[in-house]
Amino acid sequence: ISDYTAIDPRFGTMEDCDKLIREIHKRKMKV
């Protein structure tokens, strides 16, 4: 890891990550 608080561009953006967390919680699952 070269930055613990950034998303690697290969995988998307921090906005994508925030959405992923929201969508998982919306489905009553944990992250």
PDB file of all heavy atoms in Angstrom:
ATOM      1  N   ILE A   1       0.834  -1.206   0.000  1.00  0.00           N
ATOM      2  CA  ILE A   1       0.000   0.000   0.000  1.00  0.00           C
ATOM      3  C   ILE A   1       0.872   1.262   0.000  1.00  0.00           C
ATOM      4  O   ILE A   1       1.806   1.384   0.801  1.00  0.00           O
ATOM      5  CB  ILE A   1      -0.935  -0.004   1.227  1.00  0.00           C
ATOM      6  CG1 ILE A   1      -1.878  -1.211   1.169  1.00  0.00           C
ATOM      7  CG2 ILE A   1      -1.736   1.298   1.314  1.00  0.00           C
ATOM      8  CD1 ILE A   1      -2.643  -1.468   2.453  1.00  0.00           C
ATOM      9  N   SER A   2       0.536   2.191  -0.895  1.00  0.00           N
ATOM     10  CA  SER A   2       1.251   3.466  -0.942  1.00  0.00           C
ATOM     11  C   SER A   2       0.410   4.615  -0.392  1.00  0.00           C
ATOM     12  O   SER A   2       0.919   5.703  -0.156  1.00  0.00           O
ATOM     13  CB  SER A   2       1.705   3.782  -2.370  1.00  0.00           C
ATOM     14  OG  SER A   2       0.603   3.799  -3.253  1.00  0.00           O
ATOM     15  N   ASP A   3      -0.895   4.385  -0.184  1.00  0.00           N
ATOM     16  CA  ASP A   3      -1.761   5.384   0.447  1.00  0.00           C
ATOM     17  C   ASP A   3      -2.971   4.667   1.031  1.00  0.00           C
ATOM     18  O   ASP A   3      -3.822   4.161   0.291  1.00  0.00           O
ATOM     19  CB  ASP A   3      -2.207   6.448  -0.562  1.00  0.00           C
ATOM     20  CG  ASP A   3      -2.917   7.633   0.098  1.00  0.00           C
ATOM     21  OD1 ASP A   3      -3.425   7.473   1.223  1.00  0.00           O
ATOM     22  OD2 ASP A   3      -2.975   8.707  -0.526  1.00  0.00           O
ATOM     23  N   TYR A   4      -3.050   4.634   2.366  1.00  0.00           N
ATOM     24  CA  TYR A   4      -4.108   3.896   3.054  1.00  0.00           C
ATOM     25  C   TYR A   4      -5.476   4.566   2.956  1.00  0.00           C
ATOM     26  O   TYR A   4      -6.491   3.933   3.229  1.00  0.00           O
ATOM     27  CB  TYR A   4      -3.764   3.746   4.534  1.00  0.00           C
ATOM     28  CG  TYR A   4      -2.670   2.764   4.848  1.00  0.00           C
ATOM     29  CD1 TYR A   4      -1.345   3.185   4.949  1.00  0.00           C
ATOM     30  CD2 TYR A   4      -2.954   1.421   5.064  1.00  0.00           C
ATOM     31  CE1 TYR A   4      -0.328   2.285   5.261  1.00  0.00           C
ATOM     32  CE2 TYR A   4      -1.955   0.513   5.375  1.00  0.00           C
ATOM     33  CZ  TYR A   4      -0.636   0.956   5.471  1.00  0.00           C
ATOM     34  OH  TYR A   4       0.353   0.057   5.777  1.00  0.00           O
ATOM     35  N   THR A   5      -5.516   5.829   2.595  1.00  0.00           N
ATOM     36  CA  THR A   5      -6.794   6.553   2.594  1.00  0.00           C
ATOM     37  C   THR A   5      -7.162   7.053   1.201  1.00  0.00           C
ATOM     38  O   THR A   5      -7.871   8.045   1.047  1.00  0.00           O
ATOM     39  CB  THR A   5      -6.757   7.727   3.587  1.00  0.00           C
ATOM     40  OG1 THR A   5      -5.682   8.603   3.261  1.00  0.00           O
ATOM     41  CG2 THR A   5      -6.592   7.217   5.011  1.00  0.00           C
ATOM     42  N   ALA A   6      -6.680   6.352   0.180  1.00  0.00           N
ATOM     43  CA  ALA A   6      -7.055   6.665  -1.202  1.00  0.00           C
ATOM     44  C   ALA A   6      -7.399   5.369  -1.926  1.00  0.00           C
ATOM     45  O   ALA A   6      -6.890   4.292  -1.582  1.00  0.00           O
ATOM     46  CB  ALA A   6      -5.906   7.374  -1.930  1.00  0.00           C
ATOM     47  N   ILE A   7      -8.273   5.457  -2.903  1.00  0.00           N
ATOM     48  CA  ILE A   7      -8.651   4.289  -3.707  1.00  0.00           C
ATOM     49  C   ILE A   7      -7.743   4.220  -4.927  1.00  0.00           C
ATOM     50  O   ILE A   7      -7.513   5.232  -5.603  1.00  0.00           O
ATOM     51  CB  ILE A   7     -10.126   4.402  -4.167  1.00  0.00           C
ATOM     52  CG1 ILE A   7     -11.041   4.609  -2.958  1.00  0.00           C
ATOM     53  CG2 ILE A   7     -10.537   3.164  -4.955  1.00  0.00           C
ATOM     54  CD1 ILE A   7     -10.970   3.550  -1.903  1.00  0.00           C
ATOM     55  N   ASP A   8      -7.236   3.047  -5.221  1.00  0.00           N
ATOM     56  CA  ASP A   8      -6.406   2.908  -6.411  1.00  0.00           C
ATOM     57  C   ASP A   8      -7.256   3.140  -7.657  1.00  0.00           C
ATOM     58  O   ASP A   8      -8.364   2.586  -7.758  1.00  0.00           O
ATOM     59  CB  ASP A   8      -5.779   1.507  -6.464  1.00  0.00           C
ATOM     60  CG  ASP A   8      -4.656   1.437  -7.480  1.00  0.00           C
ATOM     61  OD1 ASP A   8      -4.973   1.355  -8.688  1.00  0.00           O
ATOM     62  OD2 ASP A   8      -3.489   1.491  -7.076  1.00  0.00           O
ATOM     63  N   PRO A   9      -6.784   3.957  -8.603  1.00  0.00           N
ATOM     64  CA  PRO A   9      -7.577   4.248  -9.809  1.00  0.00           C
ATOM     65  C   PRO A   9      -7.997   3.012 -10.593  1.00  0.00           C
ATOM     66  O   PRO A   9      -8.991   3.055 -11.325  1.00  0.00           O
ATOM     67  CB  PRO A   9      -6.642   5.139 -10.633  1.00  0.00           C
ATOM     68  CG  PRO A   9      -5.728   5.766  -9.632  1.00  0.00           C
ATOM     69  CD  PRO A   9      -5.534   4.729  -8.562  1.00  0.00           C
ATOM     70  N   ARG A  10      -7.264   1.913 -10.462  1.00  0.00           N
ATOM     71  CA  ARG A  10      -7.675   0.678 -11.132  1.00  0.00           C
ATOM     72  C   ARG A  10      -9.091   0.273 -10.730  1.00  0.00           C
ATOM     73  O   ARG A  10      -9.834  -0.314 -11.514  1.00  0.00           O
ATOM     74  CB  ARG A  10      -6.752  -0.486 -10.764  1.00  0.00           C
ATOM     75  CG  ARG A  10      -5.304  -0.386 -11.169  1.00  0.00           C
ATOM     76  CD  ARG A  10      -4.581  -1.621 -10.638  1.00  0.00           C
ATOM     77  NE  ARG A  10      -3.162  -1.611 -10.911  1.00  0.00           N
ATOM     78  CZ  ARG A  10      -2.229  -1.126 -10.086  1.00  0.00           C
ATOM     79  NH1 ARG A  10      -2.607  -0.590  -8.933  1.00  0.00           N
ATOM     80  NH2 ARG A  10      -0.949  -1.159 -10.400  1.00  0.00           N
ATOM     81  N   PHE A  11      -9.434   0.568  -9.471  1.00  0.00           N
ATOM     82  CA  PHE A  11     -10.693   0.085  -8.911  1.00  0.00           C
ATOM     83  C   PHE A  11     -11.789   1.138  -8.870  1.00  0.00           C
ATOM     84  O   PHE A  11     -12.950   0.794  -8.620  1.00  0.00           O
ATOM     85  CB  PHE A  11     -10.447  -0.459  -7.502  1.00  0.00           C
ATOM     86  CG  PHE A  11      -9.397  -1.532  -7.439  1.00  0.00           C
ATOM     87  CD1 PHE A  11      -8.254  -1.356  -6.674  1.00  0.00           C
ATOM     88  CD2 PHE A  11      -9.535  -2.704  -8.164  1.00  0.00           C
ATOM     89  CE1 PHE A  11      -7.272  -2.336  -6.631  1.00  0.00           C
ATOM     90  CE2 PHE A  11      -8.563  -3.696  -8.120  1.00  0.00           C
ATOM     91  CZ  PHE A  11      -7.420  -3.511  -7.359  1.00  0.00           C
ATOM     92  N   GLY A  12     -11.433   2.400  -9.078  1.00  0.00           N
ATOM     93  CA  GLY A  12     -12.461   3.432  -9.065  1.00  0.00           C
ATOM     94  C   GLY A  12     -12.037   4.630  -8.244  1.00  0.00           C
ATOM     95  O   GLY A  12     -10.846   4.954  -8.139  1.00  0.00           O
ATOM     96  N   THR A  13     -12.999   5.273  -7.628  1.00  0.00           N
ATOM     97  CA  THR A  13     -12.775   6.510  -6.879  1.00  0.00           C
ATOM     98  C   THR A  13     -13.290   6.367  -5.454  1.00  0.00           C
ATOM     99  O   THR A  13     -13.979   5.397  -5.117  1.00  0.00           O
ATOM    100  CB  THR A  13     -13.527   7.674  -7.548  1.00  0.00           C
ATOM    101  OG1 THR A  13     -14.948   7.413  -7.452  1.00  0.00           O
ATOM    102  CG2 THR A  13     -13.145   7.820  -9.024  1.00  0.00           C
ATOM    103  N   MET A  14     -12.987   7.369  -4.631  1.00  0.00           N
ATOM    104  CA  MET A  14     -13.513   7.352  -3.268  1.00  0.00           C
ATOM    105  C   MET A  14     -15.033   7.451  -3.280  1.00  0.00           C
ATOM    106  O   MET A  14     -15.711   6.874  -2.415  1.00  0.00           O
ATOM    107  CB  MET A  14     -12.911   8.499  -2.446  1.00  0.00           C
ATOM    108  CG  MET A  14     -13.269   8.454  -0.969  1.00  0.00           C
ATOM    109  SD  MET A  14     -12.737   6.928  -0.115  1.00  0.00           S
ATOM    110  CE  MET A  14     -10.969   7.256   0.061  1.00  0.00           C
ATOM    111  N   GLU A  15     -15.569   8.154  -4.260  1.00  0.00           N
ATOM    112  CA  GLU A  15     -17.038   8.223  -4.392  1.00  0.00           C
ATOM    113  C   GLU A  15     -17.608   6.831  -4.650  1.00  0.00           C
ATOM    114  O   GLU A  15     -18.665   6.467  -4.106  1.00  0.00           O
ATOM    115  CB  GLU A  15     -17.428   9.175  -5.525  1.00  0.00           C
ATOM    116  CG  GLU A  15     -17.190  10.649  -5.236  1.00  0.00           C
ATOM    117  CD  GLU A  15     -15.715  11.044  -5.244  1.00  0.00           C
ATOM    118  OE1 GLU A  15     -14.907  10.328  -5.905  1.00  0.00           O
ATOM    119  OE2 GLU A  15     -15.361  12.039  -4.585  1.00  0.00           O
ATOM    120  N   ASP A  16     -16.917   6.032  -5.474  1.00  0.00           N
ATOM    121  CA  ASP A  16     -17.351   4.647  -5.706  1.00  0.00           C
ATOM    122  C   ASP A  16     -17.317   3.848  -4.413  1.00  0.00           C
ATOM    123  O   ASP A  16     -18.219   3.048  -4.132  1.00  0.00           O
ATOM    124  CB  ASP A  16     -16.452   3.965  -6.744  1.00  0.00           C
ATOM    125  CG  ASP A  16     -16.569   4.562  -8.130  1.00  0.00           C
ATOM    126  OD1 ASP A  16     -17.686   4.988  -8.501  1.00  0.00           O
ATOM    127  OD2 ASP A  16     -15.551   4.599  -8.851  1.00  0.00           O
ATOM    128  N   CYS A  17     -16.269   4.070  -3.627  1.00  0.00           N
ATOM    129  CA  CYS A  17     -16.130   3.348  -2.361  1.00  0.00           C
ATOM    130  C   CYS A  17     -17.246   3.731  -1.394  1.00  0.00           C
ATOM    131  O   CYS A  17     -17.850   2.861  -0.752  1.00  0.00           O
ATOM    132  CB  CYS A  17     -14.770   3.638  -1.748  1.00  0.00           C
ATOM    133  SG  CYS A  17     -14.494   2.791  -0.184  1.00  0.00           S
ATOM    134  N   ASP A  18     -17.512   5.032  -1.287  1.00  0.00           N
ATOM    135  CA  ASP A  18     -18.595   5.486  -0.403  1.00  0.00           C
ATOM    136  C   ASP A  18     -19.928   4.866  -0.823  1.00  0.00           C
ATOM    137  O   ASP A  18     -20.730   4.447   0.016  1.00  0.00           O
ATOM    138  CB  ASP A  18     -18.692   7.012  -0.439  1.00  0.00           C
ATOM    139  CG  ASP A  18     -17.500   7.700   0.224  1.00  0.00           C
ATOM    140  OD1 ASP A  18     -16.827   7.045   1.040  1.00  0.00           O
ATOM    141  OD2 ASP A  18     -17.248   8.876  -0.082  1.00  0.00           O
ATOM    142  N   LYS A  19     -20.149   4.812  -2.128  1.00  0.00           N
ATOM    143  CA  LYS A  19     -21.391   4.216  -2.635  1.00  0.00           C
ATOM    144  C   LYS A  19     -21.434   2.722  -2.318  1.00  0.00           C
ATOM    145  O   LYS A  19     -22.493   2.186  -1.934  1.00  0.00           O
ATOM    146  CB  LYS A  19     -21.514   4.439  -4.142  1.00  0.00           C
ATOM    147  CG  LYS A  19     -22.813   3.888  -4.720  1.00  0.00           C
ATOM    148  CD  LYS A  19     -22.925   4.159  -6.221  1.00  0.00           C
ATOM    149  CE  LYS A  19     -24.224   3.572  -6.776  1.00  0.00           C
ATOM    150  NZ  LYS A  19     -24.342   3.800  -8.250  1.00  0.00           N
ATOM    151  N   LEU A  20     -20.294   2.046  -2.475  1.00  0.00           N
ATOM    152  CA  LEU A  20     -20.222   0.615  -2.167  1.00  0.00           C
ATOM    153  C   LEU A  20     -20.614   0.357  -0.713  1.00  0.00           C
ATOM    154  O   LEU A  20     -21.425  -0.533  -0.429  1.00  0.00           O
ATOM    155  CB  LEU A  20     -18.810   0.104  -2.426  1.00  0.00           C
ATOM    156  CG  LEU A  20     -18.528  -1.360  -2.082  1.00  0.00           C
ATOM    157  CD1 LEU A  20     -19.341  -2.295  -2.977  1.00  0.00           C
ATOM    158  CD2 LEU A  20     -17.036  -1.666  -2.208  1.00  0.00           C
ATOM    159  N   ILE A  21     -20.066   1.136   0.205  1.00  0.00           N
ATOM    160  CA  ILE A  21     -20.398   0.965   1.626  1.00  0.00           C
ATOM    161  C   ILE A  21     -21.887   1.204   1.868  1.00  0.00           C
ATOM    162  O   ILE A  21     -22.552   0.428   2.567  1.00  0.00           O
ATOM    163  CB  ILE A  21     -19.529   1.906   2.490  1.00  0.00           C
ATOM    164  CG1 ILE A  21     -18.053   1.502   2.392  1.00  0.00           C
ATOM    165  CG2 ILE A  21     -19.994   1.889   3.948  1.00  0.00           C
ATOM    166  CD1 ILE A  21     -17.093   2.502   3.020  1.00  0.00           C
ATOM    167  N   ARG A  22     -22.416   2.271   1.267  1.00  0.00           N
ATOM    168  CA  ARG A  22     -23.850   2.576   1.431  1.00  0.00           C
ATOM    169  C   ARG A  22     -24.719   1.449   0.894  1.00  0.00           C
ATOM    170  O   ARG A  22     -25.690   1.028   1.536  1.00  0.00           O
ATOM    171  CB  ARG A  22     -24.209   3.874   0.695  1.00  0.00           C
ATOM    172  CG  ARG A  22     -23.767   5.143   1.357  1.00  0.00           C
ATOM    173  CD  ARG A  22     -24.510   6.356   0.773  1.00  0.00           C
ATOM    174  NE  ARG A  22     -24.489   6.413  -0.686  1.00  0.00           N
ATOM    175  CZ  ARG A  22     -23.524   7.001  -1.398  1.00  0.00           C
ATOM    176  NH1 ARG A  22     -22.504   7.575  -0.777  1.00  0.00           N
ATOM    177  NH2 ARG A  22     -23.587   7.035  -2.721  1.00  0.00           N
ATOM    178  N   GLU A  23     -24.390   0.963  -0.297  1.00  0.00           N
ATOM    179  CA  GLU A  23     -25.209  -0.066  -0.941  1.00  0.00           C
ATOM    180  C   GLU A  23     -25.167  -1.382  -0.182  1.00  0.00           C
ATOM    181  O   GLU A  23     -26.159  -2.111  -0.114  1.00  0.00           O
ATOM    182  CB  GLU A  23     -24.767  -0.261  -2.395  1.00  0.00           C
ATOM    183  CG  GLU A  23     -25.052   0.921  -3.308  1.00  0.00           C
ATOM    184  CD  GLU A  23     -26.542   1.175  -3.479  1.00  0.00           C
ATOM    185  OE1 GLU A  23     -27.314   0.197  -3.537  1.00  0.00           O
ATOM    186  OE2 GLU A  23     -26.938   2.354  -3.558  1.00  0.00           O
ATOM    187  N   ILE A  24     -24.020  -1.705   0.393  1.00  0.00           N
ATOM    188  CA  ILE A  24     -23.912  -2.924   1.200  1.00  0.00           C
ATOM    189  C   ILE A  24     -24.774  -2.803   2.448  1.00  0.00           C
ATOM    190  O   ILE A  24     -25.534  -3.712   2.797  1.00  0.00           O
ATOM    191  CB  ILE A  24     -22.439  -3.209   1.565  1.00  0.00           C
ATOM    192  CG1 ILE A  24     -21.670  -3.639   0.309  1.00  0.00           C
ATOM    193  CG2 ILE A  24     -22.337  -4.282   2.646  1.00  0.00           C
ATOM    194  CD1 ILE A  24     -20.179  -3.763   0.515  1.00  0.00           C
ATOM    195  N   HIS A  25     -24.675  -1.675   3.104  1.00  0.00           N
ATOM    196  CA  HIS A  25     -25.477  -1.465   4.321  1.00  0.00           C
ATOM    197  C   HIS A  25     -26.974  -1.412   4.007  1.00  0.00           C
ATOM    198  O   HIS A  25     -27.801  -1.879   4.811  1.00  0.00           O
ATOM    199  CB  HIS A  25     -25.032  -0.188   5.017  1.00  0.00           C
ATOM    200  CG  HIS A  25     -23.725  -0.320   5.737  1.00  0.00           C
ATOM    201  ND1 HIS A  25     -22.912   0.750   6.047  1.00  0.00           N
ATOM    202  CD2 HIS A  25     -23.069  -1.422   6.201  1.00  0.00           C
ATOM    203  CE1 HIS A  25     -21.840   0.311   6.680  1.00  0.00           C
ATOM    204  NE2 HIS A  25     -21.907  -1.002   6.778  1.00  0.00           N
ATOM    205  N   LYS A  26     -27.304  -0.873   2.856  1.00  0.00           N
ATOM    206  CA  LYS A  26     -28.713  -0.818   2.458  1.00  0.00           C
ATOM    207  C   LYS A  26     -29.295  -2.221   2.323  1.00  0.00           C
ATOM    208  O   LYS A  26     -30.491  -2.434   2.555  1.00  0.00           O
ATOM    209  CB  LYS A  26     -28.839  -0.065   1.126  1.00  0.00           C
ATOM    210  CG  LYS A  26     -30.274   0.264   0.732  1.00  0.00           C
ATOM    211  CD  LYS A  26     -30.301   1.319  -0.373  1.00  0.00           C
ATOM    212  CE  LYS A  26     -29.922   0.725  -1.712  1.00  0.00           C
ATOM    213  NZ  LYS A  26     -30.072   1.725  -2.813  1.00  0.00           N
ATOM    214  N   ARG A  27     -28.445  -3.179   1.997  1.00  0.00           N
ATOM    215  CA  ARG A  27     -28.876  -4.575   1.849  1.00  0.00           C
ATOM    216  C   ARG A  27     -28.682  -5.370   3.138  1.00  0.00           C
ATOM    217  O   ARG A  27     -28.734  -6.606   3.118  1.00  0.00           O
ATOM    218  CB  ARG A  27     -28.115  -5.216   0.689  1.00  0.00           C
ATOM    219  CG  ARG A  27     -28.521  -4.666  -0.679  1.00  0.00           C
ATOM    220  CD  ARG A  27     -27.525  -5.053  -1.767  1.00  0.00           C
ATOM    221  NE  ARG A  27     -27.960  -4.610  -3.080  1.00  0.00           N
ATOM    222  CZ  ARG A  27     -27.829  -3.367  -3.542  1.00  0.00           C
ATOM    223  NH1 ARG A  27     -27.282  -2.428  -2.773  1.00  0.00           N
ATOM    224  NH2 ARG A  27     -28.246  -3.051  -4.762  1.00  0.00           N
ATOM    225  N   LYS A  28     -28.441  -4.665   4.246  1.00  0.00           N
ATOM    226  CA  LYS A  28     -28.325  -5.288   5.571  1.00  0.00           C
ATOM    227  C   LYS A  28     -27.125  -6.220   5.670  1.00  0.00           C
ATOM    228  O   LYS A  28     -27.141  -7.215   6.407  1.00  0.00           O
ATOM    229  CB  LYS A  28     -29.600  -6.057   5.953  1.00  0.00           C
ATOM    230  CG  LYS A  28     -30.893  -5.255   5.821  1.00  0.00           C
ATOM    231  CD  LYS A  28     -30.911  -4.046   6.726  1.00  0.00           C
ATOM    232  CE  LYS A  28     -32.231  -3.282   6.611  1.00  0.00           C
ATOM    233  NZ  LYS A  28     -32.204  -2.008   7.379  1.00  0.00           N
ATOM    234  N   MET A  29     -26.073  -5.907   4.916  1.00  0.00           N
ATOM    235  CA  MET A  29     -24.825  -6.654   5.020  1.00  0.00           C
ATOM    236  C   MET A  29     -23.761  -5.767   5.651  1.00  0.00           C
ATOM    237  O   MET A  29     -23.937  -4.561   5.789  1.00  0.00           O
ATOM    238  CB  MET A  29     -24.382  -7.148   3.645  1.00  0.00           C
ATOM    239  CG  MET A  29     -25.329  -8.151   3.003  1.00  0.00           C
ATOM    240  SD  MET A  29     -24.711  -8.852   1.432  1.00  0.00           S
ATOM    241  CE  MET A  29     -24.861  -7.433   0.330  1.00  0.00           C
ATOM    242  N   LYS A  30     -22.646  -6.378   6.058  1.00  0.00           N
ATOM    243  CA  LYS A  30     -21.550  -5.664   6.709  1.00  0.00           C
ATOM    244  C   LYS A  30     -20.334  -5.583   5.785  1.00  0.00           C
ATOM    245  O   LYS A  30     -20.174  -6.398   4.878  1.00  0.00           O
ATOM    246  CB  LYS A  30     -21.154  -6.375   8.004  1.00  0.00           C
ATOM    247  CG  LYS A  30     -22.302  -6.603   8.989  1.00  0.00           C
ATOM    248  CD  LYS A  30     -22.718  -5.343   9.701  1.00  0.00           C
ATOM    249  CE  LYS A  30     -23.716  -5.652  10.817  1.00  0.00           C
ATOM    250  NZ  LYS A  30     -24.154  -4.436  11.533  1.00  0.00           N
ATOM    251  N   VAL A  31     -19.450  -4.607   6.083  1.00  0.00           N
ATOM    252  CA  VAL A  31     -18.257  -4.352   5.278  1.00  0.00           C
ATOM    253  C   VAL A  31     -17.001  -4.538   6.129  1.00  0.00           C
ATOM    254  O   VAL A  31     -16.852  -3.895   7.166  1.00  0.00           O
ATOM    255  CB  VAL A  31     -18.251  -2.904   4.735  1.00  0.00           C
ATOM    256  CG1 VAL A  31     -17.025  -2.665   3.854  1.00  0.00           C
ATOM    257  CG2 VAL A  31     -19.532  -2.582   4.007  1.00  0.00           C
TER     258      VAL A  31
END
